[in-house]
Amino acid sequence: MLLGLSVLTLGAQTVEPAESTGSVPVKHWEFDYYNYSISGGQETLYMNFTMALRYNFDTPLVDVGGEVTVGATPHDRHDPTELNKGDILKRTYIMLSPVAHYNFRRGKNASFYAGLGIGSGLGTREVFEGCTVDADGNIFEELKTEKYFVAALTPRIGVELFRHLRIGMHVRIPTDGEVTVGPSVSLTFGGGRKD
């Protein structure tokens, strides 16, 4: 009788819901520092900096959290005489987003994820109004800075290597501007396997 109970207890300890999905238990809180992210479309290229805080649920294998992103288009050299009134020269934005991801093989050396961010924030853009040329040939640009509200969907997929390095691809679909696509690389602190 005792032997039978011991075998049943041993069997119960070796079967965990997370392991049945090819995953292992991980610590609940993790912080992401996206030290490098680029997204580009046909005419727009953004450099992005993102920080995220996420909570890992034991089951289902989902994490939820929030992130803040600051982005800007690089300052480009241009010939003002070739621009048209209304052309946008530079954009910047700051956005807050709730995020959620589903994780495959979480806690393993290579863990895959797919998720979505839904963000909103504020942006600015420099709009070309025209230019004048003085007698010496110096060109003076007339620019107008506009502030605007922006919202975006950001689906993403990627892989987390050794529980600390996340390499992904995201698509940003904003209410203002064009759809951009790009890679991201981030360092993750916390998370990791449970002891």
N, C-alpha and C. Protein backbone atom coordinates (compact mmCIF):
# COMPACT_ATOMS: atom_id res chain seq x y z
N MET A 1 0.82 -1.19 0.00
CA MET A 1 0.00 0.00 0.00
C MET A 1 0.86 1.25 0.00
N LEU A 2 1.85 1.29 0.93
CA LEU A 2 2.76 2.44 0.99
C LEU A 2 3.58 2.54 -0.28
N LEU A 3 4.01 1.41 -0.81
CA LEU A 3 4.77 1.40 -2.05
C LEU A 3 3.94 1.96 -3.19
N GLY A 4 2.66 1.59 -3.24
CA GLY A 4 1.76 2.09 -4.28
C GLY A 4 1.58 3.60 -4.17
N LEU A 5 1.41 4.13 -2.93
CA LEU A 5 1.28 5.57 -2.74
C LEU A 5 2.55 6.29 -3.13
N SER A 6 3.70 5.72 -2.82
CA SER A 6 4.98 6.34 -3.17
C SER A 6 5.14 6.44 -4.68
N VAL A 7 4.76 5.39 -5.39
CA VAL A 7 4.86 5.41 -6.85
C VAL A 7 3.93 6.47 -7.43
N LEU A 8 2.69 6.54 -6.89
CA LEU A 8 1.74 7.55 -7.38
C LEU A 8 2.25 8.96 -7.11
N THR A 9 2.81 9.18 -5.91
CA THR A 9 3.35 10.49 -5.56
C THR A 9 4.51 10.86 -6.47
N LEU A 10 5.41 9.92 -6.73
CA LEU A 10 6.55 10.17 -7.62
C LEU A 10 6.06 10.51 -9.01
N GLY A 11 5.04 9.77 -9.49
CA GLY A 11 4.50 10.06 -10.81
C GLY A 11 3.87 11.43 -10.87
N ALA A 12 3.17 11.83 -9.82
CA ALA A 12 2.52 13.15 -9.80
C ALA A 12 3.55 14.26 -9.80
N GLN A 13 4.69 14.06 -9.18
CA GLN A 13 5.72 15.09 -9.13
C GLN A 13 6.44 15.26 -10.45
N THR A 14 6.47 14.23 -11.28
CA THR A 14 7.23 14.33 -12.52
C THR A 14 6.41 14.91 -13.67
N VAL A 15 5.09 15.03 -13.52
CA VAL A 15 4.26 15.57 -14.59
C VAL A 15 3.79 16.96 -14.19
N GLU A 16 4.28 18.00 -14.88
CA GLU A 16 3.86 19.37 -14.63
C GLU A 16 3.23 19.93 -15.89
N PRO A 17 2.22 20.78 -15.76
CA PRO A 17 1.55 21.32 -16.95
C PRO A 17 2.51 22.02 -17.90
N ALA A 18 3.45 22.81 -17.37
CA ALA A 18 4.37 23.55 -18.24
C ALA A 18 5.25 22.59 -19.03
N GLU A 19 5.73 21.54 -18.37
CA GLU A 19 6.63 20.62 -19.06
C GLU A 19 5.90 19.83 -20.14
N SER A 20 4.59 19.64 -19.96
CA SER A 20 3.84 18.90 -20.98
C SER A 20 3.77 19.69 -22.29
N THR A 21 4.03 20.99 -22.25
CA THR A 21 4.02 21.82 -23.46
C THR A 21 5.45 22.08 -23.97
N GLY A 22 6.42 21.38 -23.41
CA GLY A 22 7.80 21.59 -23.83
C GLY A 22 8.46 22.78 -23.17
N SER A 23 7.88 23.27 -22.07
CA SER A 23 8.41 24.44 -21.37
C SER A 23 8.80 24.05 -19.96
N VAL A 24 9.51 24.94 -19.28
CA VAL A 24 9.85 24.75 -17.87
C VAL A 24 9.41 26.00 -17.11
N PRO A 25 9.11 25.89 -15.82
CA PRO A 25 8.66 27.05 -15.04
C PRO A 25 9.73 28.15 -15.02
N VAL A 26 9.27 29.40 -15.13
CA VAL A 26 10.18 30.55 -15.10
C VAL A 26 9.72 31.53 -14.02
N LYS A 27 10.62 32.43 -13.63
CA LYS A 27 10.28 33.46 -12.66
C LYS A 27 9.25 34.40 -13.28
N HIS A 28 8.43 34.99 -12.43
CA HIS A 28 7.29 35.75 -12.94
C HIS A 28 7.65 37.09 -13.58
N TRP A 29 8.50 37.88 -12.99
CA TRP A 29 8.76 39.23 -13.49
C TRP A 29 10.01 39.29 -14.34
N GLU A 30 9.93 40.04 -15.43
CA GLU A 30 11.12 40.28 -16.24
C GLU A 30 11.06 41.68 -16.84
N PHE A 31 12.24 42.24 -17.04
CA PHE A 31 12.39 43.60 -17.57
C PHE A 31 13.19 43.53 -18.85
N ASP A 32 12.70 44.16 -19.89
CA ASP A 32 13.37 44.18 -21.20
C ASP A 32 13.95 45.55 -21.48
N TYR A 33 15.18 45.54 -21.97
CA TYR A 33 15.82 46.77 -22.42
C TYR A 33 16.13 46.59 -23.90
N TYR A 34 15.35 47.23 -24.75
CA TYR A 34 15.55 47.12 -26.20
C TYR A 34 16.61 48.13 -26.59
N ASN A 35 17.85 47.69 -26.65
CA ASN A 35 18.91 48.63 -26.93
C ASN A 35 19.07 48.92 -28.41
N TYR A 36 18.30 48.23 -29.25
CA TYR A 36 18.46 48.46 -30.68
C TYR A 36 17.20 48.02 -31.40
N SER A 37 16.60 48.91 -32.11
CA SER A 37 15.40 48.56 -32.85
C SER A 37 15.26 49.51 -34.03
N ILE A 38 15.01 48.98 -35.19
CA ILE A 38 14.82 49.80 -36.39
C ILE A 38 13.51 49.38 -37.03
N SER A 39 12.75 50.34 -37.51
CA SER A 39 11.59 50.00 -38.32
C SER A 39 11.56 50.94 -39.51
N GLY A 40 11.27 50.39 -40.66
CA GLY A 40 11.29 51.20 -41.87
C GLY A 40 10.18 50.82 -42.81
N GLY A 41 9.75 51.82 -43.59
CA GLY A 41 8.77 51.61 -44.63
C GLY A 41 9.36 52.05 -45.96
N GLN A 42 8.51 52.45 -46.87
CA GLN A 42 9.00 52.86 -48.19
C GLN A 42 9.79 54.17 -48.11
N GLU A 43 9.35 55.09 -47.25
CA GLU A 43 10.01 56.39 -47.19
C GLU A 43 10.45 56.78 -45.78
N THR A 44 10.11 55.99 -44.78
CA THR A 44 10.37 56.37 -43.40
C THR A 44 11.22 55.32 -42.70
N LEU A 45 12.23 55.78 -41.95
CA LEU A 45 13.08 54.91 -41.15
C LEU A 45 13.10 55.46 -39.73
N TYR A 46 12.81 54.63 -38.74
CA TYR A 46 12.82 55.05 -37.35
C TYR A 46 13.91 54.32 -36.57
N MET A 47 14.55 55.02 -35.66
CA MET A 47 15.39 54.41 -34.64
C MET A 47 14.56 54.42 -33.36
N ASN A 48 14.41 53.27 -32.71
CA ASN A 48 13.54 53.15 -31.55
C ASN A 48 14.31 52.70 -30.31
N PHE A 49 13.87 53.17 -29.15
CA PHE A 49 14.39 52.72 -27.86
C PHE A 49 13.19 52.33 -27.02
N THR A 50 13.17 51.11 -26.50
CA THR A 50 12.01 50.60 -25.77
C THR A 50 12.43 49.95 -24.45
N MET A 51 11.62 50.16 -23.42
CA MET A 51 11.77 49.45 -22.16
C MET A 51 10.43 48.78 -21.85
N ALA A 52 10.47 47.56 -21.35
CA ALA A 52 9.23 46.82 -21.09
C ALA A 52 9.32 46.08 -19.77
N LEU A 53 8.21 45.98 -19.08
CA LEU A 53 8.09 45.19 -17.86
C LEU A 53 6.96 44.19 -18.09
N ARG A 54 7.25 42.88 -17.88
CA ARG A 54 6.27 41.85 -18.18
C ARG A 54 6.14 40.87 -17.01
N TYR A 55 4.95 40.27 -16.91
CA TYR A 55 4.66 39.26 -15.90
C TYR A 55 4.36 37.95 -16.61
N ASN A 56 5.06 36.87 -16.24
CA ASN A 56 4.86 35.55 -16.83
C ASN A 56 3.87 34.75 -16.00
N PHE A 57 2.75 34.35 -16.63
CA PHE A 57 1.81 33.45 -15.97
C PHE A 57 2.33 32.02 -16.08
N ASP A 58 2.04 31.21 -15.05
CA ASP A 58 2.47 29.81 -15.09
C ASP A 58 1.71 29.05 -16.17
N THR A 59 0.41 29.27 -16.23
CA THR A 59 -0.41 28.65 -17.26
C THR A 59 -1.65 29.51 -17.47
N PRO A 60 -2.00 29.83 -18.71
CA PRO A 60 -1.32 29.44 -19.94
C PRO A 60 0.03 30.13 -20.07
N LEU A 61 0.81 29.75 -21.06
CA LEU A 61 2.18 30.27 -21.22
C LEU A 61 2.14 31.66 -21.85
N VAL A 62 1.55 32.60 -21.13
CA VAL A 62 1.35 33.96 -21.62
C VAL A 62 2.07 34.92 -20.69
N ASP A 63 2.64 35.98 -21.27
CA ASP A 63 3.14 37.08 -20.46
C ASP A 63 2.41 38.35 -20.86
N VAL A 64 2.16 39.21 -19.89
CA VAL A 64 1.49 40.49 -20.14
C VAL A 64 2.29 41.58 -19.44
N GLY A 65 2.18 42.79 -19.95
CA GLY A 65 2.90 43.89 -19.33
C GLY A 65 2.70 45.17 -20.10
N GLY A 66 3.66 46.04 -19.95
CA GLY A 66 3.61 47.32 -20.63
C GLY A 66 4.99 47.72 -21.11
N GLU A 67 5.01 48.59 -22.12
CA GLU A 67 6.28 49.09 -22.62
C GLU A 67 6.16 50.55 -22.99
N VAL A 68 7.27 51.25 -22.92
CA VAL A 68 7.34 52.63 -23.37
C VAL A 68 8.38 52.69 -24.49
N THR A 69 8.04 53.34 -25.58
CA THR A 69 8.92 53.43 -26.74
C THR A 69 9.11 54.88 -27.14
N VAL A 70 10.36 55.24 -27.40
CA VAL A 70 10.69 56.55 -27.95
C VAL A 70 11.33 56.30 -29.30
N GLY A 71 10.86 57.00 -30.32
CA GLY A 71 11.40 56.80 -31.66
C GLY A 71 11.61 58.11 -32.39
N ALA A 72 12.50 58.09 -33.35
CA ALA A 72 12.76 59.29 -34.16
C ALA A 72 13.31 58.86 -35.51
N THR A 73 12.98 59.64 -36.52
CA THR A 73 13.59 59.44 -37.83
C THR A 73 14.96 60.11 -37.80
N PRO A 74 15.98 59.50 -38.38
CA PRO A 74 17.31 60.13 -38.39
C PRO A 74 17.26 61.46 -39.14
N HIS A 75 18.06 62.42 -38.69
CA HIS A 75 18.13 63.71 -39.39
C HIS A 75 18.87 63.49 -40.71
N ASP A 76 18.23 63.81 -41.79
CA ASP A 76 18.85 63.58 -43.09
C ASP A 76 19.26 64.89 -43.75
N ARG A 77 20.29 64.80 -44.58
CA ARG A 77 20.71 65.95 -45.37
C ARG A 77 19.84 65.99 -46.62
N HIS A 78 19.40 67.17 -46.97
CA HIS A 78 18.51 67.30 -48.11
C HIS A 78 18.74 68.65 -48.79
N ASP A 79 18.28 68.75 -50.00
CA ASP A 79 18.34 70.00 -50.76
C ASP A 79 16.98 70.67 -50.65
N PRO A 80 16.87 71.79 -49.91
CA PRO A 80 15.57 72.44 -49.72
C PRO A 80 14.91 72.87 -51.03
N THR A 81 15.72 73.13 -52.04
CA THR A 81 15.14 73.59 -53.31
C THR A 81 14.41 72.48 -54.04
N GLU A 82 14.61 71.22 -53.60
CA GLU A 82 13.93 70.10 -54.24
C GLU A 82 12.72 69.61 -53.45
N LEU A 83 12.41 70.28 -52.33
CA LEU A 83 11.29 69.88 -51.50
C LEU A 83 10.02 70.63 -51.88
N ASN A 84 8.89 70.02 -51.55
CA ASN A 84 7.60 70.65 -51.77
C ASN A 84 7.00 71.06 -50.44
N LYS A 85 6.21 72.10 -50.45
CA LYS A 85 5.54 72.54 -49.23
C LYS A 85 4.69 71.39 -48.69
N GLY A 86 4.82 71.15 -47.39
CA GLY A 86 4.07 70.07 -46.76
C GLY A 86 4.88 68.80 -46.58
N ASP A 87 6.08 68.71 -47.19
CA ASP A 87 6.93 67.53 -46.99
C ASP A 87 7.35 67.44 -45.52
N ILE A 88 7.34 66.22 -44.98
CA ILE A 88 7.74 66.01 -43.59
C ILE A 88 9.21 65.61 -43.55
N LEU A 89 10.01 66.36 -42.79
CA LEU A 89 11.45 66.12 -42.75
C LEU A 89 11.86 65.21 -41.60
N LYS A 90 11.18 65.32 -40.47
CA LYS A 90 11.58 64.53 -39.31
C LYS A 90 10.37 64.26 -38.43
N ARG A 91 10.32 63.06 -37.84
CA ARG A 91 9.25 62.69 -36.91
C ARG A 91 9.89 62.19 -35.61
N THR A 92 9.24 62.46 -34.50
CA THR A 92 9.60 61.86 -33.21
C THR A 92 8.29 61.43 -32.53
N TYR A 93 8.38 60.45 -31.64
CA TYR A 93 7.18 60.04 -30.90
C TYR A 93 7.56 59.37 -29.60
N ILE A 94 6.62 59.36 -28.67
CA ILE A 94 6.72 58.58 -27.44
C ILE A 94 5.39 57.86 -27.28
N MET A 95 5.44 56.57 -26.99
CA MET A 95 4.23 55.76 -26.98
C MET A 95 4.24 54.79 -25.80
N LEU A 96 3.09 54.66 -25.14
CA LEU A 96 2.88 53.67 -24.08
C LEU A 96 2.00 52.56 -24.63
N SER A 97 2.37 51.31 -24.36
CA SER A 97 1.64 50.19 -24.95
C SER A 97 1.46 49.06 -23.95
N PRO A 98 0.23 48.57 -23.75
CA PRO A 98 0.08 47.27 -23.11
C PRO A 98 0.47 46.20 -24.12
N VAL A 99 1.14 45.14 -23.64
CA VAL A 99 1.62 44.09 -24.54
C VAL A 99 1.27 42.72 -23.97
N ALA A 100 1.18 41.74 -24.85
CA ALA A 100 0.96 40.35 -24.44
C ALA A 100 1.64 39.44 -25.45
N HIS A 101 2.19 38.33 -24.96
CA HIS A 101 2.88 37.36 -25.82
C HIS A 101 2.49 35.94 -25.41
N TYR A 102 2.41 35.07 -26.38
CA TYR A 102 2.31 33.64 -26.11
C TYR A 102 3.70 33.05 -26.33
N ASN A 103 4.12 32.18 -25.41
CA ASN A 103 5.48 31.63 -25.44
C ASN A 103 5.48 30.14 -25.74
N PHE A 104 6.40 29.73 -26.58
CA PHE A 104 6.59 28.32 -26.92
C PHE A 104 7.94 27.88 -26.36
N ARG A 105 7.99 26.75 -25.67
CA ARG A 105 9.23 26.23 -25.08
C ARG A 105 9.82 27.23 -24.07
N ARG A 106 8.96 27.89 -23.32
CA ARG A 106 9.44 28.92 -22.38
C ARG A 106 10.39 28.30 -21.35
N GLY A 107 11.47 29.03 -21.07
CA GLY A 107 12.47 28.57 -20.12
C GLY A 107 13.57 27.74 -20.73
N LYS A 108 13.40 27.30 -21.98
CA LYS A 108 14.44 26.53 -22.67
C LYS A 108 15.50 27.49 -23.23
N ASN A 109 16.59 26.93 -23.75
CA ASN A 109 17.66 27.78 -24.30
C ASN A 109 17.22 28.55 -25.54
N ALA A 110 16.24 28.04 -26.25
CA ALA A 110 15.63 28.76 -27.37
C ALA A 110 14.12 28.71 -27.17
N SER A 111 13.54 29.85 -26.82
CA SER A 111 12.11 29.95 -26.56
C SER A 111 11.50 30.93 -27.55
N PHE A 112 10.45 30.51 -28.23
CA PHE A 112 9.84 31.35 -29.26
C PHE A 112 8.61 32.06 -28.71
N TYR A 113 8.31 33.23 -29.26
CA TYR A 113 7.14 33.98 -28.80
C TYR A 113 6.46 34.68 -29.97
N ALA A 114 5.17 34.97 -29.79
CA ALA A 114 4.39 35.76 -30.73
C ALA A 114 3.48 36.65 -29.90
N GLY A 115 3.38 37.91 -30.27
CA GLY A 115 2.59 38.81 -29.43
C GLY A 115 2.10 40.03 -30.15
N LEU A 116 1.52 40.94 -29.34
CA LEU A 116 0.92 42.15 -29.87
C LEU A 116 1.03 43.27 -28.85
N GLY A 117 1.37 44.46 -29.34
CA GLY A 117 1.32 45.68 -28.54
C GLY A 117 0.27 46.60 -29.12
N ILE A 118 -0.48 47.29 -28.26
CA ILE A 118 -1.48 48.27 -28.70
C ILE A 118 -1.16 49.56 -27.98
N GLY A 119 -0.57 50.52 -28.69
CA GLY A 119 -0.06 51.70 -28.03
C GLY A 119 -0.67 53.00 -28.49
N SER A 120 -0.46 54.03 -27.68
CA SER A 120 -0.85 55.38 -28.05
C SER A 120 0.12 56.35 -27.42
N GLY A 121 0.24 57.52 -28.02
CA GLY A 121 1.17 58.50 -27.50
C GLY A 121 1.14 59.80 -28.28
N LEU A 122 2.20 60.56 -28.13
CA LEU A 122 2.31 61.86 -28.78
C LEU A 122 3.51 61.88 -29.70
N GLY A 123 3.39 62.64 -30.78
CA GLY A 123 4.49 62.76 -31.72
C GLY A 123 4.65 64.19 -32.20
N THR A 124 5.79 64.46 -32.80
CA THR A 124 6.04 65.75 -33.44
C THR A 124 6.58 65.50 -34.84
N ARG A 125 6.36 66.43 -35.74
CA ARG A 125 6.91 66.33 -37.08
C ARG A 125 7.31 67.73 -37.55
N GLU A 126 8.43 67.78 -38.26
CA GLU A 126 8.89 69.03 -38.86
C GLU A 126 8.38 69.06 -40.30
N VAL A 127 7.60 70.07 -40.60
CA VAL A 127 6.97 70.19 -41.92
C VAL A 127 7.65 71.32 -42.69
N PHE A 128 8.04 71.03 -43.92
CA PHE A 128 8.69 72.02 -44.78
C PHE A 128 7.64 73.00 -45.31
N GLU A 129 7.89 74.29 -45.08
CA GLU A 129 6.96 75.33 -45.52
C GLU A 129 7.47 76.08 -46.76
N GLY A 130 8.76 76.03 -46.98
CA GLY A 130 9.36 76.74 -48.12
C GLY A 130 10.77 77.16 -47.78
N CYS A 131 11.43 77.84 -48.71
CA CYS A 131 12.78 78.32 -48.47
C CYS A 131 13.00 79.60 -49.27
N THR A 132 13.95 80.38 -48.78
CA THR A 132 14.35 81.60 -49.49
C THR A 132 15.86 81.56 -49.71
N VAL A 133 16.29 82.22 -50.77
CA VAL A 133 17.71 82.30 -51.11
C VAL A 133 18.12 83.76 -51.14
N ASP A 134 19.16 84.13 -50.35
CA ASP A 134 19.59 85.53 -50.36
C ASP A 134 20.56 85.80 -51.51
N ALA A 135 21.06 87.02 -51.57
CA ALA A 135 21.93 87.43 -52.67
C ALA A 135 23.24 86.66 -52.70
N ASP A 136 23.68 86.18 -51.56
CA ASP A 136 24.94 85.42 -51.50
C ASP A 136 24.74 83.93 -51.77
N GLY A 137 23.51 83.51 -52.04
CA GLY A 137 23.24 82.10 -52.33
C GLY A 137 22.96 81.26 -51.10
N ASN A 138 22.85 81.90 -49.92
CA ASN A 138 22.52 81.15 -48.71
C ASN A 138 21.04 80.77 -48.71
N ILE A 139 20.75 79.55 -48.32
CA ILE A 139 19.38 79.05 -48.33
C ILE A 139 18.85 79.02 -46.90
N PHE A 140 17.67 79.58 -46.71
CA PHE A 140 17.02 79.61 -45.41
C PHE A 140 15.71 78.83 -45.50
N GLU A 141 15.62 77.78 -44.69
CA GLU A 141 14.42 76.95 -44.69
C GLU A 141 13.37 77.50 -43.73
N GLU A 142 12.13 77.35 -44.08
CA GLU A 142 11.02 77.66 -43.19
C GLU A 142 10.37 76.33 -42.80
N LEU A 143 10.45 76.01 -41.51
CA LEU A 143 9.91 74.76 -41.00
C LEU A 143 8.84 75.03 -39.95
N LYS A 144 7.86 74.18 -39.90
CA LYS A 144 6.81 74.27 -38.89
C LYS A 144 6.80 72.96 -38.12
N THR A 145 6.79 73.05 -36.78
CA THR A 145 6.72 71.86 -35.93
C THR A 145 5.28 71.61 -35.52
N GLU A 146 4.77 70.43 -35.84
CA GLU A 146 3.40 70.06 -35.49
C GLU A 146 3.43 68.96 -34.44
N LYS A 147 2.51 69.03 -33.50
CA LYS A 147 2.33 67.96 -32.52
C LYS A 147 1.08 67.19 -32.90
N TYR A 148 1.09 65.88 -32.67
CA TYR A 148 -0.05 65.07 -33.06
C TYR A 148 -0.19 63.86 -32.14
N PHE A 149 -1.40 63.30 -32.10
CA PHE A 149 -1.67 62.07 -31.37
C PHE A 149 -1.44 60.89 -32.30
N VAL A 150 -0.84 59.84 -31.78
CA VAL A 150 -0.60 58.65 -32.61
C VAL A 150 -0.98 57.40 -31.82
N ALA A 151 -1.57 56.45 -32.50
CA ALA A 151 -1.85 55.13 -31.94
C ALA A 151 -1.33 54.09 -32.92
N ALA A 152 -1.00 52.91 -32.42
CA ALA A 152 -0.44 51.89 -33.32
C ALA A 152 -0.67 50.50 -32.78
N LEU A 153 -0.84 49.57 -33.71
CA LEU A 153 -0.78 48.14 -33.42
C LEU A 153 0.62 47.67 -33.76
N THR A 154 1.19 46.83 -32.91
CA THR A 154 2.54 46.33 -33.17
C THR A 154 2.60 44.83 -32.94
N PRO A 155 2.22 44.02 -33.93
CA PRO A 155 2.44 42.57 -33.81
C PRO A 155 3.92 42.26 -33.90
N ARG A 156 4.35 41.21 -33.19
CA ARG A 156 5.78 40.82 -33.22
C ARG A 156 5.94 39.33 -33.01
N ILE A 157 7.03 38.81 -33.53
CA ILE A 157 7.44 37.42 -33.31
C ILE A 157 8.93 37.43 -33.00
N GLY A 158 9.41 36.36 -32.37
CA GLY A 158 10.83 36.32 -32.10
C GLY A 158 11.25 35.09 -31.32
N VAL A 159 12.50 35.11 -30.91
CA VAL A 159 13.08 34.02 -30.14
C VAL A 159 13.85 34.62 -28.97
N GLU A 160 13.74 33.95 -27.82
CA GLU A 160 14.53 34.34 -26.64
C GLU A 160 15.59 33.27 -26.43
N LEU A 161 16.85 33.69 -26.47
CA LEU A 161 17.97 32.76 -26.34
C LEU A 161 18.53 32.80 -24.92
N PHE A 162 18.65 31.64 -24.32
CA PHE A 162 19.24 31.47 -22.98
C PHE A 162 18.55 32.37 -21.95
N ARG A 163 17.28 32.66 -22.16
CA ARG A 163 16.42 33.40 -21.23
C ARG A 163 16.84 34.84 -21.01
N HIS A 164 17.74 35.38 -21.82
CA HIS A 164 18.19 36.77 -21.60
C HIS A 164 18.38 37.59 -22.87
N LEU A 165 18.38 36.99 -24.03
CA LEU A 165 18.58 37.73 -25.28
C LEU A 165 17.40 37.48 -26.20
N ARG A 166 16.67 38.54 -26.51
CA ARG A 166 15.49 38.42 -27.38
C ARG A 166 15.78 39.05 -28.74
N ILE A 167 15.56 38.28 -29.78
CA ILE A 167 15.75 38.75 -31.16
C ILE A 167 14.40 38.60 -31.85
N GLY A 168 13.89 39.69 -32.40
CA GLY A 168 12.55 39.62 -32.95
C GLY A 168 12.37 40.44 -34.21
N MET A 169 11.16 40.39 -34.71
CA MET A 169 10.74 41.17 -35.87
C MET A 169 9.37 41.74 -35.53
N HIS A 170 9.17 43.03 -35.82
CA HIS A 170 7.89 43.64 -35.51
C HIS A 170 7.38 44.47 -36.69
N VAL A 171 6.09 44.66 -36.70
CA VAL A 171 5.42 45.51 -37.68
C VAL A 171 4.67 46.57 -36.90
N ARG A 172 4.91 47.85 -37.21
CA ARG A 172 4.17 48.93 -36.55
C ARG A 172 3.16 49.50 -37.53
N ILE A 173 1.90 49.47 -37.13
CA ILE A 173 0.81 49.95 -37.98
C ILE A 173 0.21 51.18 -37.30
N PRO A 174 0.66 52.39 -37.64
CA PRO A 174 0.23 53.59 -36.93
C PRO A 174 -0.97 54.27 -37.57
N THR A 175 -1.61 55.12 -36.79
CA THR A 175 -2.70 55.93 -37.33
C THR A 175 -2.16 57.11 -38.13
N ASP A 176 -0.90 57.45 -37.94
CA ASP A 176 -0.29 58.55 -38.67
C ASP A 176 1.01 58.05 -39.28
N GLY A 177 1.20 58.24 -40.56
CA GLY A 177 2.41 57.77 -41.21
C GLY A 177 2.19 56.41 -41.82
N GLU A 178 3.31 55.85 -42.35
CA GLU A 178 3.21 54.59 -43.06
C GLU A 178 3.54 53.39 -42.17
N VAL A 179 3.12 52.23 -42.58
CA VAL A 179 3.44 50.99 -41.88
C VAL A 179 4.94 50.74 -41.98
N THR A 180 5.57 50.39 -40.85
CA THR A 180 7.00 50.12 -40.85
C THR A 180 7.25 48.72 -40.31
N VAL A 181 8.34 48.11 -40.77
CA VAL A 181 8.72 46.76 -40.38
C VAL A 181 10.19 46.78 -40.00
N GLY A 182 10.56 46.04 -38.96
CA GLY A 182 11.97 46.01 -38.62
C GLY A 182 12.33 45.02 -37.53
N PRO A 183 13.64 44.80 -37.33
CA PRO A 183 14.13 43.89 -36.30
C PRO A 183 14.32 44.59 -34.97
N SER A 184 14.42 43.82 -33.91
CA SER A 184 14.76 44.36 -32.60
C SER A 184 15.64 43.36 -31.87
N VAL A 185 16.51 43.88 -31.02
CA VAL A 185 17.36 43.06 -30.16
C VAL A 185 17.24 43.63 -28.75
N SER A 186 16.99 42.80 -27.76
CA SER A 186 16.84 43.30 -26.40
C SER A 186 17.49 42.37 -25.40
N LEU A 187 17.85 42.93 -24.26
CA LEU A 187 18.36 42.18 -23.13
C LEU A 187 17.25 42.06 -22.10
N THR A 188 17.07 40.87 -21.55
CA THR A 188 16.03 40.61 -20.57
C THR A 188 16.66 40.32 -19.22
N PHE A 189 16.17 41.03 -18.19
CA PHE A 189 16.63 40.82 -16.82
C PHE A 189 15.47 40.24 -16.03
N GLY A 190 15.76 39.36 -15.09
CA GLY A 190 14.70 38.66 -14.38
C GLY A 190 14.30 37.45 -15.20
N GLY A 191 13.04 37.03 -15.05
CA GLY A 191 12.62 35.86 -15.79
C GLY A 191 13.53 34.68 -15.41
N GLY A 192 13.93 33.92 -16.37
CA GLY A 192 14.82 32.78 -16.10
C GLY A 192 14.09 31.65 -15.39
N ARG A 193 14.74 30.52 -15.31
CA ARG A 193 14.12 29.34 -14.70
C ARG A 193 13.94 29.54 -13.20
N LYS A 194 12.86 28.96 -12.70
CA LYS A 194 12.66 28.95 -11.24
C LYS A 194 13.64 27.98 -10.61
N ASP A 195 14.13 28.33 -9.43
CA ASP A 195 15.04 27.43 -8.72
C ASP A 195 14.29 26.23 -8.17
